[in-house]
Amino acid sequence: MPDAMDRNQEYAEAFAADALANHKGRLQQRVGRITCANLDCGDAIHPARTALGAQLCIECQREEEAAAHPGRIGAVE
């Protein structure tokens, strides 16, 4: 006969399995653009960044981050 700890363990395992399934589902739905969303650019976005949901090419992303954080070390000006 299962006691309270057994039931808690079963609940925790089921909860973790559901959370992992939900996370994997969201990752598979997450698709970025093939080309940069910047209308003045249109360069291709690397497939690894596309899989992460990237909307900008690496150069435009750097420029956007530099504009958002002026004076930051490593910022492109």
N, C-alpha and C. Protein backbone atom coordinates (compact mmCIF):
# COMPACT_ATOMS: atom_id res chain seq x y z
N MET A 1 0.85 -1.19 0.00
CA MET A 1 0.00 0.00 0.00
C MET A 1 0.90 1.25 0.00
N PRO A 2 0.69 2.13 -0.97
CA PRO A 2 1.55 3.32 -1.05
C PRO A 2 1.26 4.30 0.09
N ASP A 3 2.33 4.85 0.61
CA ASP A 3 2.15 5.86 1.66
C ASP A 3 2.24 7.26 1.03
N ALA A 4 2.23 8.27 1.86
CA ALA A 4 2.23 9.66 1.39
C ALA A 4 3.48 9.98 0.57
N MET A 5 4.62 9.46 0.97
CA MET A 5 5.86 9.74 0.22
C MET A 5 5.81 9.12 -1.17
N ASP A 6 5.26 7.91 -1.29
CA ASP A 6 5.13 7.27 -2.60
C ASP A 6 4.23 8.09 -3.51
N ARG A 7 3.11 8.56 -2.97
CA ARG A 7 2.19 9.38 -3.77
C ARG A 7 2.84 10.69 -4.19
N ASN A 8 3.58 11.30 -3.27
CA ASN A 8 4.28 12.55 -3.61
C ASN A 8 5.32 12.32 -4.69
N GLN A 9 6.04 11.22 -4.60
CA GLN A 9 7.06 10.90 -5.60
C GLN A 9 6.42 10.68 -6.97
N GLU A 10 5.30 9.96 -7.02
CA GLU A 10 4.59 9.73 -8.28
C GLU A 10 4.10 11.05 -8.87
N TYR A 11 3.56 11.92 -8.01
CA TYR A 11 3.09 13.22 -8.46
C TYR A 11 4.25 14.05 -9.03
N ALA A 12 5.39 14.06 -8.33
CA ALA A 12 6.53 14.84 -8.78
C ALA A 12 7.05 14.32 -10.13
N GLU A 13 7.10 13.02 -10.30
CA GLU A 13 7.55 12.44 -11.57
C GLU A 13 6.60 12.79 -12.71
N ALA A 14 5.29 12.71 -12.45
CA ALA A 14 4.31 13.04 -13.49
C ALA A 14 4.37 14.53 -13.84
N PHE A 15 4.54 15.37 -12.82
CA PHE A 15 4.63 16.81 -13.03
C PHE A 15 5.86 17.14 -13.88
N ALA A 16 7.00 16.53 -13.55
CA ALA A 16 8.23 16.78 -14.30
C ALA A 16 8.10 16.30 -15.74
N ALA A 17 7.48 15.15 -15.95
CA ALA A 17 7.30 14.63 -17.30
C ALA A 17 6.41 15.56 -18.13
N ASP A 18 5.34 16.06 -17.53
CA ASP A 18 4.45 17.00 -18.24
C ASP A 18 5.17 18.30 -18.57
N ALA A 19 5.94 18.81 -17.62
CA ALA A 19 6.67 20.06 -17.85
C ALA A 19 7.68 19.89 -18.98
N LEU A 20 8.37 18.77 -19.00
CA LEU A 20 9.35 18.50 -20.04
C LEU A 20 8.68 18.36 -21.41
N ALA A 21 7.54 17.70 -21.46
CA ALA A 21 6.81 17.55 -22.72
C ALA A 21 6.34 18.91 -23.23
N ASN A 22 5.84 19.76 -22.33
CA ASN A 22 5.40 21.10 -22.74
C ASN A 22 6.57 21.92 -23.26
N HIS A 23 7.71 21.82 -22.60
CA HIS A 23 8.90 22.58 -23.01
C HIS A 23 9.37 22.12 -24.39
N LYS A 24 9.43 20.83 -24.61
CA LYS A 24 9.86 20.31 -25.91
C LYS A 24 8.89 20.74 -27.01
N GLY A 25 7.61 20.77 -26.73
CA GLY A 25 6.62 21.21 -27.70
C GLY A 25 6.81 22.67 -28.08
N ARG A 26 7.10 23.51 -27.10
CA ARG A 26 7.31 24.94 -27.38
C ARG A 26 8.58 25.14 -28.19
N LEU A 27 9.62 24.35 -27.93
CA LEU A 27 10.85 24.48 -28.69
C LEU A 27 10.64 24.11 -30.15
N GLN A 28 9.82 23.12 -30.43
CA GLN A 28 9.58 22.70 -31.80
C GLN A 28 8.75 23.73 -32.55
N GLN A 29 7.90 24.48 -31.87
CA GLN A 29 7.06 25.49 -32.51
C GLN A 29 7.82 26.78 -32.77
N ARG A 30 8.95 26.95 -32.12
CA ARG A 30 9.70 28.19 -32.17
C ARG A 30 10.54 28.25 -33.44
N VAL A 31 10.08 29.00 -34.40
CA VAL A 31 10.81 29.11 -35.66
C VAL A 31 10.96 30.59 -35.99
N GLY A 32 12.17 30.97 -36.29
CA GLY A 32 12.43 32.36 -36.64
C GLY A 32 12.32 32.59 -38.13
N ARG A 33 12.83 33.68 -38.54
CA ARG A 33 12.81 34.06 -39.95
C ARG A 33 14.02 33.48 -40.66
N ILE A 34 13.92 33.38 -41.96
CA ILE A 34 15.04 32.91 -42.79
C ILE A 34 15.91 34.10 -43.18
N THR A 35 15.26 35.25 -43.35
CA THR A 35 16.00 36.48 -43.69
C THR A 35 15.73 37.53 -42.63
N CYS A 36 16.63 38.49 -42.54
CA CYS A 36 16.56 39.55 -41.54
C CYS A 36 15.27 40.36 -41.67
N ALA A 37 14.67 40.70 -40.53
CA ALA A 37 13.43 41.47 -40.51
C ALA A 37 13.68 42.96 -40.80
N ASN A 38 14.93 43.40 -40.75
CA ASN A 38 15.27 44.78 -41.06
C ASN A 38 15.05 44.99 -42.56
N LEU A 39 14.16 45.88 -42.91
CA LEU A 39 13.81 46.10 -44.32
C LEU A 39 14.98 46.60 -45.15
N ASP A 40 15.95 47.25 -44.52
CA ASP A 40 17.11 47.75 -45.24
C ASP A 40 18.18 46.68 -45.41
N CYS A 41 18.00 45.51 -44.83
CA CYS A 41 19.04 44.48 -44.84
C CYS A 41 18.63 43.28 -45.67
N GLY A 42 17.84 42.40 -45.11
CA GLY A 42 17.39 41.21 -45.83
C GLY A 42 18.41 40.09 -45.91
N ASP A 43 19.53 40.18 -45.16
CA ASP A 43 20.54 39.12 -45.16
C ASP A 43 19.96 37.84 -44.56
N ALA A 44 20.58 36.72 -44.90
CA ALA A 44 20.15 35.43 -44.37
C ALA A 44 20.49 35.34 -42.88
N ILE A 45 19.68 34.60 -42.14
CA ILE A 45 19.92 34.33 -40.73
C ILE A 45 20.39 32.89 -40.62
N HIS A 46 21.46 32.68 -39.87
CA HIS A 46 22.04 31.35 -39.70
C HIS A 46 20.98 30.39 -39.14
N PRO A 47 20.90 29.16 -39.67
CA PRO A 47 19.88 28.21 -39.22
C PRO A 47 19.87 27.95 -37.71
N ALA A 48 21.03 27.99 -37.06
CA ALA A 48 21.06 27.80 -35.61
C ALA A 48 20.34 28.93 -34.89
N ARG A 49 20.46 30.15 -35.41
CA ARG A 49 19.76 31.29 -34.80
C ARG A 49 18.28 31.26 -35.16
N THR A 50 17.97 30.79 -36.38
CA THR A 50 16.57 30.67 -36.79
C THR A 50 15.83 29.70 -35.87
N ALA A 51 16.48 28.61 -35.50
CA ALA A 51 15.86 27.62 -34.61
C ALA A 51 15.56 28.20 -33.24
N LEU A 52 16.29 29.24 -32.86
CA LEU A 52 16.06 29.90 -31.57
C LEU A 52 15.07 31.05 -31.66
N GLY A 53 14.53 31.28 -32.86
CA GLY A 53 13.53 32.32 -33.03
C GLY A 53 14.09 33.68 -33.41
N ALA A 54 15.31 33.73 -33.91
CA ALA A 54 15.93 35.01 -34.28
C ALA A 54 15.12 35.71 -35.37
N GLN A 55 15.05 37.03 -35.26
CA GLN A 55 14.34 37.84 -36.23
C GLN A 55 15.29 38.72 -37.04
N LEU A 56 16.51 38.91 -36.53
CA LEU A 56 17.50 39.77 -37.18
C LEU A 56 18.77 38.99 -37.47
N CYS A 57 19.49 39.41 -38.53
CA CYS A 57 20.81 38.82 -38.79
C CYS A 57 21.74 39.26 -37.67
N ILE A 58 22.88 38.64 -37.57
CA ILE A 58 23.79 38.91 -36.47
C ILE A 58 24.25 40.37 -36.44
N GLU A 59 24.51 40.94 -37.62
CA GLU A 59 24.98 42.33 -37.68
C GLU A 59 23.89 43.30 -37.21
N CYS A 60 22.67 43.11 -37.68
CA CYS A 60 21.57 43.98 -37.26
C CYS A 60 21.26 43.80 -35.78
N GLN A 61 21.39 42.57 -35.26
CA GLN A 61 21.17 42.32 -33.84
C GLN A 61 22.20 43.07 -33.00
N ARG A 62 23.45 43.02 -33.44
CA ARG A 62 24.51 43.76 -32.73
C ARG A 62 24.22 45.25 -32.72
N GLU A 63 23.83 45.79 -33.87
CA GLU A 63 23.53 47.22 -33.97
C GLU A 63 22.36 47.59 -33.07
N GLU A 64 21.34 46.75 -33.03
CA GLU A 64 20.17 47.02 -32.18
C GLU A 64 20.55 47.01 -30.70
N GLU A 65 21.36 46.04 -30.31
CA GLU A 65 21.80 45.97 -28.92
C GLU A 65 22.70 47.13 -28.56
N ALA A 66 23.57 47.55 -29.48
CA ALA A 66 24.45 48.69 -29.23
C ALA A 66 23.64 49.97 -29.07
N ALA A 67 22.59 50.12 -29.86
CA ALA A 67 21.73 51.31 -29.75
C ALA A 67 20.95 51.31 -28.44
N ALA A 68 20.57 50.11 -27.99
CA ALA A 68 19.81 50.00 -26.75
C ALA A 68 20.69 50.22 -25.52
N HIS A 69 21.99 49.94 -25.64
CA HIS A 69 22.92 50.05 -24.50
C HIS A 69 24.17 50.82 -24.93
N PRO A 70 24.05 52.11 -25.18
CA PRO A 70 25.22 52.88 -25.63
C PRO A 70 26.31 52.91 -24.54
N GLY A 71 27.54 52.85 -24.98
CA GLY A 71 28.66 52.92 -24.05
C GLY A 71 29.05 51.58 -23.45
N ARG A 72 28.29 50.54 -23.73
CA ARG A 72 28.61 49.22 -23.21
C ARG A 72 29.88 48.70 -23.86
N ILE A 73 30.71 48.03 -23.10
CA ILE A 73 31.96 47.46 -23.63
C ILE A 73 31.61 46.46 -24.73
N GLY A 74 32.28 46.57 -25.85
CA GLY A 74 32.05 45.66 -26.97
C GLY A 74 30.92 46.11 -27.87
N ALA A 75 30.30 47.25 -27.57
CA ALA A 75 29.20 47.74 -28.40
C ALA A 75 29.74 48.25 -29.73
N VAL A 76 29.02 47.92 -30.78
CA VAL A 76 29.39 48.38 -32.12
C VAL A 76 28.83 49.77 -32.32
N GLU A 77 29.66 50.68 -32.80
CA GLU A 77 29.16 52.05 -33.03
C GLU A 77 29.28 52.42 -34.46
